[in-house]
Amino acid sequence: MKLPNGFERWNPAMRGAYLKRAKASEARQPLSSCPYEDKRKPCGRLTWSRSFIAAWRDGWNDFKAQQDPITQFWEDRRP
């Protein structure tokens, strides 16, 4: 499995959110099955929930792209 550049420097919680996508993708769950909800503070400000959603979604999309044979063909030929 190919990971994004600098993945080892990500926050461990964000790495976990990104990696959870493998299980969801392998189980053929749709992108809408993201386990994270958009939450806001009582005052209406945003929380970190959107970054977890983004990490999960990016991981899901990256995993799907790696499973596509045409994408994989061209990725293997990158300099």
Protein backbone atom coordinates (compact mmCIF):
# COMPACT_ATOMS: atom_id res chain seq x y z
CA MET A 1 0.00 0.00 0.00
CA LYS A 2 1.44 3.34 -1.06
CA LEU A 3 1.18 6.08 1.57
CA PRO A 4 1.30 9.86 1.02
CA ASN A 5 4.61 11.70 1.29
CA GLY A 6 5.35 12.68 4.90
CA PHE A 7 2.75 10.26 6.26
CA GLU A 8 5.06 9.25 9.11
CA ARG A 9 5.00 12.87 10.38
CA TRP A 10 1.20 13.06 10.54
CA ASN A 11 -0.60 13.11 13.86
CA PRO A 12 -1.22 9.46 14.93
CA ALA A 13 -4.97 10.05 15.07
CA MET A 14 -5.00 11.37 11.49
CA ARG A 15 -2.90 8.41 10.34
CA GLY A 16 -5.49 6.13 11.92
CA ALA A 17 -8.34 7.91 10.16
CA TYR A 18 -6.51 7.61 6.84
CA LEU A 19 -5.79 3.91 7.35
CA LYS A 20 -9.37 3.06 8.38
CA ARG A 21 -10.29 3.57 4.77
CA ALA A 22 -8.59 0.33 3.75
CA LYS A 23 -11.08 -1.69 5.72
CA ALA A 24 -14.01 0.31 4.32
CA SER A 25 -12.76 0.09 0.75
CA GLU A 26 -12.02 -3.62 0.97
CA ALA A 27 -15.49 -4.20 2.40
CA ARG A 28 -16.84 -2.30 -0.62
CA GLN A 29 -18.49 0.33 1.55
CA PRO A 30 -19.44 3.56 -0.20
CA LEU A 31 -17.61 6.83 0.42
CA SER A 32 -20.66 8.00 2.35
CA SER A 33 -19.96 5.36 5.02
CA CYS A 34 -17.42 7.65 6.70
CA PRO A 35 -17.52 6.96 10.47
CA TYR A 36 -16.80 10.58 11.39
CA GLU A 37 -19.49 13.23 11.84
CA ASP A 38 -19.23 16.96 11.25
CA LYS A 39 -19.32 18.42 14.75
CA ARG A 40 -19.39 21.99 15.98
CA LYS A 41 -18.76 23.57 19.33
CA PRO A 42 -21.77 25.01 21.21
CA CYS A 43 -20.74 28.50 20.05
CA GLY A 44 -20.91 27.32 16.40
CA ARG A 45 -17.19 27.17 15.70
CA LEU A 46 -15.74 24.17 13.88
CA THR A 47 -13.94 21.29 15.57
CA TRP A 48 -11.26 18.93 14.27
CA SER A 49 -13.97 16.61 12.97
CA ARG A 50 -13.65 17.94 9.42
CA SER A 51 -9.95 17.06 9.30
CA PHE A 52 -10.76 13.49 10.33
CA ILE A 53 -13.45 13.36 7.63
CA ALA A 54 -10.96 14.71 5.06
CA ALA A 55 -8.25 12.23 6.09
CA TRP A 56 -10.71 9.32 5.85
CA ARG A 57 -12.06 10.52 2.49
CA ASP A 58 -8.56 11.08 1.07
CA GLY A 59 -7.51 7.62 2.19
CA TRP A 60 -10.62 6.07 0.67
CA ASN A 61 -10.01 7.84 -2.64
CA ASP A 62 -6.29 7.00 -2.66
CA PHE A 63 -7.00 3.34 -1.97
CA LYS A 64 -9.57 3.18 -4.76
CA ALA A 65 -7.15 4.85 -7.18
CA GLN A 66 -4.47 2.29 -6.30
CA GLN A 67 -6.90 -0.51 -7.10
CA ASP A 68 -7.58 0.86 -10.58
CA PRO A 69 -5.34 -1.05 -13.04
CA ILE A 70 -4.88 1.90 -15.40
CA THR A 71 -3.88 4.24 -12.58
CA GLN A 72 -1.51 1.61 -11.23
CA PHE A 73 0.02 1.13 -14.69
CA TRP A 74 0.93 4.82 -14.96
CA GLU A 75 2.00 5.15 -11.32
CA ASP A 76 4.55 2.39 -11.84
CA ARG A 77 6.06 4.35 -14.74
CA ARG A 78 6.54 7.65 -12.90
CA PRO A 79 10.15 8.86 -12.77
